[in-house]
Structures are given as structure tokens and as C-alpha cells.
Amino acid sequence: MSIFGSLSLADAPPPAAAVEIAAHRVSAVAIETRSGRTVVAAQAVEALPDGALVPSLTAHNARERSVVLAVLQRVLDQIGRPKRIGLVVPDPVAKVSLVKFAQVPPRAHDLDQLIRWQVRKAAPFPIEEAQVSYERAARTADGQEFLVSLARRDVIVEYEELCAAAGAHAGLIDISTFNVVNAVIAGDVTPGAATGDWLLVNVAGDYASIVVLRGLDVILFRSRGADAEGTLADLVHQTAMYYEDRLEGGGFSRVLVCGASSLSARGSADVDQIRRGLEDRLGKAVETVDPRSAVSLTDRITASPAFLDTLAPLVGLLLRGKAGRAA
């Protein structure tokens, strides 16, 4: 049982199939290599009824477990019933923070205890009930930063048990936005192409998350529920101001958005309107994340904006830590 950080690799070989259990849908992708190309071999998406699953850091998520399980089983059936999968869960399941230490303990056990002690003050539940994962982030003049993900252990077990009941073992678990980042990096034609400071906005029907990276290092992460005050453009603008004032930001080399089709489908705004709003606030052209730079699609798969948004975190989980995978 693990939640891994944004750019980490599991010790075991990556699975060939990934599943995302989100508030309003279950989706899955299986990939394979054909003539040196990474290809989507099978895919499936099925909607969940409103309220069947409510992502939460502190509460039970699967409100209608039998409904979620039935949908998950049908989705797995459509991609060949894989026994071993990677699992993408909604961002609100985890609390993400950056912590910095002037000196890093040489022993892994001591570092683990130090990170737990540091994040326990902000945890909304006892740290003894937490699943904690961390990755080295940026090295600065005054210390080493770590990107820390914290979730309640019984919530993660809830998702694992859903997968197990559907006949699949979820050996790798991570949140959506981290894996959209992985998809962008995996799709860069030249390894190391993600340089400078860049910003990614990941939008879901029930939350929006923003991550700022300096090269491959996360330097800022923010997430908020859809019911929070202010618009998405306001949140991006506030993040950009913080980046400039507190993180010595010199401007973004690249701005990307993923998931805007989820708002369009619910009538909140169309994709172009969302992109224009972000461009007006940032004064920078905004790209949409296109996972086809990392994987190829067969002719029978229709690459609609909604499907590409759904595909991105799944591809990111399966290709985490890899770059230059464009066909």
C-alpha cells in the first residue's frame, strides 16, 4: 500500500494497465509496445452516479460501494481484466505539502520520522493513522525540500479493497495531478525538455489543482474544492503572485491545462473560455495537455477533448519517470 510522490518510480516494474476512480467516473487504459511505440491497446470509461463516490481526506469515500464496484468491474472487463494495475485517485484524498530541512538525516528511518514529525502539525487526523510518502524536490541554498503526500490509511485501504474485490491488485497508487505532470514529461520528445519554471492546472468536476515546477522539481502545489470562493482564474492569479513574490519566479516558460472538458460537460464553461481566462490573467499562451505526445492511439479510438483529459493521468501513471516516448 503506497502513495508515491510526483515523479517517483516504484521498485517493481510498472503495470501495463491503470485505473482512475474519480468522483464522476471510472476510467482505465492498458498499454503495450508495438514496433517500438507505446500504444493504447484498450480503454474504457463509465460514469458514476452523483454521490456514489465523494473524494475526501478525512471521511469515507465510497458512499455507495456496490455501485462503484459494479462500474469498476465493468471497466476492468473492457480492458481485459488485468490482475495488476496502477490506481489514480482524486487529489482531495491526499494533503500535499513541501517541507525543507537545512540538514537531511543520513538514515532513511530518521528522515521518515523527521518528515512525519514536521507534517503532523498540519494533518487533520493523528499522524499514526496516516500513509505518508515523500520525494526529494528542489535543492536550494538553505536546504533540501521534500514533496510530501499524506493520506488517511483507511481511505487508501478503501480504494485498494475496491480493486481487490474487482479482481485487481493496485500496487501503485497516486493522485491525479501528479500523473498529469508525469504525462507531460513522458511526452517531451527530448529528455530534459521540461526546463525553466512551468505551471500546470488540473481541473476536475469537484476540484482544481495547480502545480508549479522548476524543471522537474515541484516548488508549489495548491488544490481547492469546486465549492470554494472565487473563479479558477482567480486561483491561478493568486498562485502566480505568490510564485513571483515568494519563490523568486521569473515567469513561466510554459502553461498547461488539463481537465477543462469536465467543466464544459457540466455547463460551467467551455474549454476555450477557460483557456482565454487563464491567458488573460497570466499574459501567456495556455496549452492543453495532449497525452498523444507520449502514446499512440489506434484508429478506432476517437480523440475527443474529454477522452484526452481522461487519458492523461492514466498514461502519466504508466509512464512515470520516462521521457521522450512520443511515437
Protein backbone atom coordinates (compact mmCIF):
# COMPACT_ATOMS: atom_id res chain seq x y z
CA MET A 1 0.00 0.00 0.00
CA SER A 2 1.68 3.18 -1.13
CA ILE A 3 1.07 6.68 -2.33
CA PHE A 4 4.17 7.68 -4.24
CA GLY A 5 5.25 11.27 -4.92
CA SER A 6 5.02 13.10 -8.19
CA LEU A 7 7.97 11.79 -10.14
CA SER A 8 8.87 8.60 -8.33
CA LEU A 9 9.33 5.08 -9.59
CA ALA A 10 8.04 2.04 -7.76
CA ASP A 11 10.56 -0.70 -7.01
CA ALA A 12 8.51 -3.19 -9.04
CA PRO A 13 8.14 -2.93 -12.83
CA PRO A 14 5.29 -0.59 -13.76
CA PRO A 15 1.93 -2.22 -14.50
CA ALA A 16 0.61 -2.34 -18.05
CA ALA A 17 -2.83 -1.07 -17.03
CA ALA A 18 -4.03 1.90 -14.99
CA VAL A 19 -7.41 2.74 -13.49
CA GLU A 20 -8.74 6.06 -12.23
CA ILE A 21 -11.58 6.13 -9.72
CA ALA A 22 -12.87 9.69 -9.70
CA ALA A 23 -15.98 11.35 -8.32
CA HIS A 24 -17.99 11.08 -11.52
CA ARG A 25 -16.37 8.26 -13.49
CA VAL A 26 -14.18 5.19 -13.54
CA SER A 27 -11.71 5.01 -16.41
CA ALA A 28 -8.97 2.58 -17.41
CA VAL A 29 -6.24 2.16 -20.01
CA ALA A 30 -3.98 -0.71 -20.99
CA ILE A 31 -0.83 -0.04 -23.00
CA GLU A 32 1.62 -2.18 -24.93
CA THR A 33 4.68 -1.72 -27.12
CA ARG A 34 4.28 -2.21 -30.89
CA SER A 35 7.27 -1.71 -33.17
CA GLY A 36 8.97 0.42 -30.56
CA ARG A 37 5.91 2.61 -29.99
CA THR A 38 3.83 2.83 -26.82
CA VAL A 39 0.23 2.23 -27.88
CA VAL A 40 -3.10 2.35 -26.07
CA ALA A 41 -4.24 -1.23 -26.52
CA ALA A 42 -7.55 -0.91 -24.68
CA GLN A 43 -9.53 1.78 -22.91
CA ALA A 44 -12.82 2.17 -21.11
CA VAL A 45 -14.74 4.94 -19.36
CA GLU A 46 -18.00 4.67 -17.47
CA ALA A 47 -19.84 7.33 -15.49
CA LEU A 48 -20.62 7.08 -11.78
CA PRO A 49 -23.92 8.38 -10.40
CA ASP A 50 -23.69 11.62 -8.44
CA GLY A 51 -22.83 10.95 -4.83
CA ALA A 52 -21.71 7.35 -5.30
CA LEU A 53 -18.13 8.37 -4.55
CA VAL A 54 -17.22 11.58 -2.73
CA PRO A 55 -13.44 12.15 -2.52
CA SER A 56 -12.35 13.22 0.94
CA LEU A 57 -9.20 13.44 3.01
CA THR A 58 -10.94 12.69 6.27
CA ALA A 59 -14.11 10.68 5.55
CA HIS A 60 -15.34 7.51 3.91
CA ASN A 61 -15.19 7.98 0.09
CA ALA A 62 -17.30 5.21 -1.48
CA ARG A 63 -20.75 6.21 -0.26
CA GLU A 64 -22.39 3.58 -2.49
CA ARG A 65 -19.74 0.88 -2.57
CA SER A 66 -21.76 -1.69 -4.51
CA VAL A 67 -22.42 0.84 -7.28
CA VAL A 68 -18.76 1.88 -7.54
CA LEU A 69 -17.65 -1.77 -7.51
CA ALA A 70 -20.06 -2.76 -10.27
CA VAL A 71 -18.83 0.08 -12.51
CA LEU A 72 -15.20 -0.76 -11.74
CA GLN A 73 -15.75 -4.41 -12.65
CA ARG A 74 -17.34 -3.49 -15.98
CA VAL A 75 -14.48 -1.12 -16.82
CA LEU A 76 -11.87 -3.77 -15.99
CA ASP A 77 -13.78 -6.29 -18.13
CA GLN A 78 -13.45 -3.96 -21.11
CA ILE A 79 -9.64 -3.77 -20.87
CA GLY A 80 -9.05 -7.50 -20.43
CA ARG A 81 -9.40 -7.95 -16.65
CA PRO A 82 -5.78 -7.15 -15.66
CA LYS A 83 -4.66 -8.66 -12.36
CA ARG A 84 -2.12 -5.94 -11.58
CA ILE A 85 -2.87 -2.24 -12.02
CA GLY A 86 -1.78 1.24 -11.10
CA LEU A 87 -4.50 3.32 -9.48
CA VAL A 88 -5.15 7.05 -9.81
CA VAL A 89 -7.23 8.60 -7.02
CA PRO A 90 -8.66 12.14 -6.74
CA ASP A 91 -6.40 14.90 -5.41
CA PRO A 92 -8.62 15.60 -2.35
CA VAL A 93 -7.75 12.14 -0.99
CA ALA A 94 -4.26 13.44 -0.11
CA LYS A 95 -2.79 16.52 1.53
CA VAL A 96 0.32 17.68 -0.33
CA SER A 97 2.96 19.94 1.16
CA LEU A 98 6.57 20.98 0.70
CA VAL A 99 8.90 20.82 3.69
CA LYS A 100 12.52 21.92 3.85
CA PHE A 101 15.39 20.80 6.06
CA ALA A 102 18.74 22.53 6.40
CA GLN A 103 20.30 19.13 7.03
CA VAL A 104 18.95 15.76 5.91
CA PRO A 105 19.48 12.75 8.20
CA PRO A 106 21.65 10.10 6.50
CA ARG A 107 19.45 7.21 7.67
CA ALA A 108 16.14 6.62 5.86
CA HIS A 109 14.36 5.75 9.11
CA ASP A 110 15.44 9.02 10.73
CA LEU A 111 14.35 11.02 7.68
CA ASP A 112 10.97 9.29 7.71
CA GLN A 113 10.45 10.16 11.37
CA LEU A 114 11.55 13.76 10.81
CA ILE A 115 9.09 14.23 7.94
CA ARG A 116 6.27 12.69 9.94
CA TRP A 117 7.04 14.99 12.86
CA GLN A 118 7.08 18.01 10.54
CA VAL A 119 3.75 17.30 8.81
CA ARG A 120 1.86 16.06 11.87
CA LYS A 121 1.01 19.64 12.91
CA ALA A 122 -0.97 20.24 9.73
CA ALA A 123 -2.55 16.78 9.49
CA PRO A 124 -6.32 16.79 10.20
CA PHE A 125 -6.02 13.37 11.88
CA PRO A 126 -3.43 11.62 14.05
CA ILE A 127 -0.19 11.01 12.18
CA GLU A 128 -0.34 7.39 13.38
CA GLU A 129 -3.35 6.94 11.07
CA ALA A 130 -1.57 8.43 8.07
CA GLN A 131 0.00 6.97 4.97
CA VAL A 132 2.96 9.26 4.26
CA SER A 133 5.10 9.35 1.16
CA TYR A 134 7.79 11.81 0.13
CA GLU A 135 10.17 12.65 -2.69
CA ARG A 136 13.22 14.86 -2.84
CA ALA A 137 12.29 18.12 -4.53
CA ALA A 138 14.41 21.22 -5.18
CA ARG A 139 17.79 21.73 -3.56
CA THR A 140 18.21 25.37 -2.50
CA ALA A 141 20.96 27.41 -0.89
CA ASP A 142 19.39 26.95 2.54
CA GLY A 143 18.41 23.30 2.39
CA GLN A 144 16.70 20.36 0.73
CA GLU A 145 12.97 20.39 0.00
CA PHE A 146 10.74 17.33 0.07
CA LEU A 147 7.38 16.90 -1.61
CA VAL A 148 5.18 15.11 0.93
CA SER A 149 1.87 13.34 0.31
CA LEU A 150 -0.25 12.43 3.31
CA ALA A 151 -3.47 10.43 3.29
CA ARG A 152 -5.54 8.62 5.86
CA ARG A 153 -4.56 4.96 5.75
CA ASP A 154 -8.11 3.61 5.95
CA VAL A 155 -9.15 5.76 2.98
CA ILE A 156 -6.37 4.28 0.85
CA VAL A 157 -7.34 0.80 2.03
CA GLU A 158 -10.90 1.56 0.91
CA TYR A 159 -9.69 2.10 -2.67
CA GLU A 160 -7.40 -0.92 -2.53
CA GLU A 161 -10.21 -3.14 -1.36
CA LEU A 162 -12.48 -1.95 -4.16
CA CYS A 163 -9.83 -3.00 -6.67
CA ALA A 164 -9.26 -6.33 -4.91
CA ALA A 165 -12.99 -7.06 -4.92
CA ALA A 166 -12.97 -6.42 -8.67
CA GLY A 167 -10.09 -8.89 -9.11
CA ALA A 168 -7.16 -6.49 -9.46
CA HIS A 169 -4.23 -5.65 -7.20
CA ALA A 170 -3.45 -1.92 -7.00
CA GLY A 171 0.28 -1.99 -6.30
CA LEU A 172 0.90 1.63 -7.22
CA ILE A 173 -1.40 4.43 -6.07
CA ASP A 174 -1.07 8.16 -6.73
CA ILE A 175 -3.17 11.28 -7.13
CA SER A 176 -4.35 12.67 -10.45
CA THR A 177 -2.38 15.91 -10.80
CA PHE A 178 1.00 14.29 -10.13
CA ASN A 179 0.35 11.93 -13.01
CA VAL A 180 -0.78 14.61 -15.42
CA VAL A 181 2.67 16.09 -14.72
CA ASN A 182 4.19 12.68 -15.50
CA ALA A 183 2.28 12.54 -18.78
CA VAL A 184 3.65 15.93 -19.84
CA ILE A 185 7.21 14.88 -19.02
CA ALA A 186 6.83 11.49 -20.70
CA GLY A 187 5.56 13.24 -23.83
CA ASP A 188 8.53 15.57 -24.17
CA VAL A 189 10.27 14.47 -27.35
CA THR A 190 13.69 15.34 -25.93
CA PRO A 191 14.61 14.09 -22.44
CA GLY A 192 15.04 17.07 -20.14
CA ALA A 193 12.81 19.30 -22.28
CA ALA A 194 10.88 20.38 -19.18
CA THR A 195 13.20 23.21 -18.18
CA GLY A 196 12.64 26.57 -16.56
CA ASP A 197 9.55 27.28 -14.47
CA TRP A 198 6.25 25.94 -15.75
CA LEU A 199 2.69 25.76 -14.45
CA LEU A 200 0.03 23.09 -14.80
CA VAL A 201 -3.66 23.50 -13.97
CA ASN A 202 -5.57 20.23 -13.50
CA VAL A 203 -9.35 20.63 -13.35
CA ALA A 204 -11.92 18.08 -12.23
CA GLY A 205 -15.63 18.48 -11.71
CA ASP A 206 -15.18 18.66 -7.93
CA TYR A 207 -11.75 20.27 -7.50
CA ALA A 208 -8.95 22.15 -9.23
CA SER A 209 -5.22 21.78 -8.53
CA ILE A 210 -2.26 23.89 -9.58
CA VAL A 211 1.34 22.78 -9.58
CA VAL A 212 4.40 24.89 -10.38
CA LEU A 213 7.60 23.13 -11.34
CA ARG A 214 11.16 24.33 -11.67
CA GLY A 215 12.48 21.92 -14.26
CA LEU A 216 11.37 18.56 -12.83
CA ASP A 217 11.07 19.76 -9.23
CA VAL A 218 7.69 20.72 -7.76
CA ILE A 219 8.04 24.06 -5.99
CA LEU A 220 4.37 24.82 -5.32
CA PHE A 221 1.16 22.79 -5.10
CA ARG A 222 -2.34 24.08 -4.38
CA SER A 223 -5.72 22.36 -4.55
CA ARG A 224 -9.22 23.54 -3.72
CA GLY A 225 -12.75 22.21 -3.92
CA ALA A 226 -15.14 23.33 -6.62
CA ASP A 227 -17.33 25.00 -3.99
CA ALA A 228 -14.55 27.38 -2.86
CA GLU A 229 -15.00 31.11 -3.38
CA GLY A 230 -13.56 32.76 -6.48
CA THR A 231 -13.03 31.55 -10.00
CA LEU A 232 -10.37 29.23 -11.34
CA ALA A 233 -8.70 32.23 -12.97
CA ASP A 234 -8.59 33.95 -9.56
CA LEU A 235 -6.86 30.95 -8.02
CA VAL A 236 -4.31 30.85 -10.83
CA HIS A 237 -3.67 34.57 -10.48
CA GLN A 238 -3.13 34.27 -6.72
CA THR A 239 -0.75 31.37 -7.29
CA ALA A 240 1.20 33.37 -9.87
CA MET A 241 1.53 36.29 -7.47
CA TYR A 242 2.81 34.01 -4.71
CA TYR A 243 5.25 32.44 -7.18
CA GLU A 244 6.65 35.85 -8.12
CA ASP A 245 6.77 37.27 -4.58
CA ARG A 246 7.89 34.26 -2.54
CA LEU A 247 9.57 31.85 -4.95
CA GLU A 248 11.70 34.29 -6.93
CA GLY A 249 9.70 33.47 -10.01
CA GLY A 250 10.91 34.97 -13.24
CA GLY A 251 7.97 33.91 -15.38
CA PHE A 252 6.63 30.68 -16.80
CA SER A 253 8.19 29.08 -19.83
CA ARG A 254 5.04 27.03 -20.31
CA VAL A 255 1.46 26.98 -19.00
CA LEU A 256 -0.75 23.92 -19.45
CA VAL A 257 -4.30 22.98 -18.54
CA CYS A 258 -5.88 19.53 -18.28
CA GLY A 259 -9.45 18.56 -17.49
CA ALA A 260 -11.24 21.70 -18.66
CA SER A 261 -13.65 19.48 -20.60
CA SER A 262 -15.09 18.32 -17.25
CA LEU A 263 -16.34 21.85 -16.57
CA SER A 264 -17.58 22.20 -20.12
CA ALA A 265 -19.56 18.95 -19.81
CA ARG A 266 -21.25 20.26 -16.66
CA GLY A 267 -22.10 23.59 -18.25
CA SER A 268 -19.72 25.68 -16.12
CA ALA A 269 -17.68 26.99 -19.05
CA ASP A 270 -16.29 25.80 -22.35
CA VAL A 271 -12.67 24.83 -22.83
CA ASP A 272 -11.80 27.88 -24.93
CA GLN A 273 -13.36 30.21 -22.36
CA ILE A 274 -11.30 28.62 -19.58
CA ARG A 275 -8.11 28.88 -21.63
CA ARG A 276 -8.76 32.53 -22.52
CA GLY A 277 -9.44 33.38 -18.87
CA LEU A 278 -6.13 31.88 -17.82
CA GLU A 279 -4.28 33.61 -20.67
CA ASP A 280 -5.74 36.97 -19.65
CA ARG A 281 -4.60 36.50 -16.04
CA LEU A 282 -1.12 35.20 -16.87
CA GLY A 283 -0.33 37.04 -20.08
CA LYS A 284 0.90 33.75 -21.51
CA ALA A 285 -0.42 31.33 -24.11
CA VAL A 286 -2.03 28.29 -22.48
CA GLU A 287 -1.68 24.79 -23.95
CA THR A 288 -3.95 21.83 -23.31
CA VAL A 289 -2.26 18.62 -22.19
CA ASP A 290 -2.25 16.09 -25.03
CA PRO A 291 -1.14 12.60 -23.96
CA ARG A 292 -0.77 11.58 -27.61
CA SER A 293 2.74 13.04 -27.39
CA ALA A 294 3.51 10.11 -25.06
CA VAL A 295 1.35 7.32 -26.50
CA SER A 296 -0.21 6.44 -29.84
CA LEU A 297 -3.91 5.78 -30.31
CA THR A 298 -5.34 3.19 -32.65
CA ASP A 299 -7.64 4.31 -35.45
CA ARG A 300 -10.71 3.01 -33.61
CA ILE A 301 -10.22 5.41 -30.67
CA THR A 302 -11.79 8.86 -31.04
CA ALA A 303 -9.52 11.51 -29.54
CA SER A 304 -12.13 13.92 -28.19
CA PRO A 305 -11.02 16.61 -25.70
CA ALA A 306 -12.85 14.77 -22.91
CA PHE A 307 -11.12 11.49 -23.73
CA LEU A 308 -7.68 13.12 -23.86
CA ASP A 309 -8.31 14.72 -20.45
CA THR A 310 -9.31 11.32 -19.08
CA LEU A 311 -6.30 9.62 -20.66
CA ALA A 312 -3.63 11.99 -19.33
CA PRO A 313 -3.31 10.86 -15.68
CA LEU A 314 -3.60 7.19 -16.65
CA VAL A 315 -0.78 7.49 -19.17
CA GLY A 316 1.24 9.50 -16.67
CA LEU A 317 0.99 6.75 -14.07
CA LEU A 318 2.05 4.07 -16.54
CA LEU A 319 4.96 6.08 -17.99
CA ARG A 320 6.12 7.76 -14.76
CA GLY A 321 9.80 8.57 -14.79
CA LYS A 322 10.10 8.19 -18.57
CA ALA A 323 10.62 10.86 -21.22
CA GLY A 324 10.78 11.02 -24.97
CA ARG A 325 8.09 8.39 -25.53
CA ALA A 326 6.38 10.15 -28.41
CA ALA A 327 5.59 7.91 -31.35
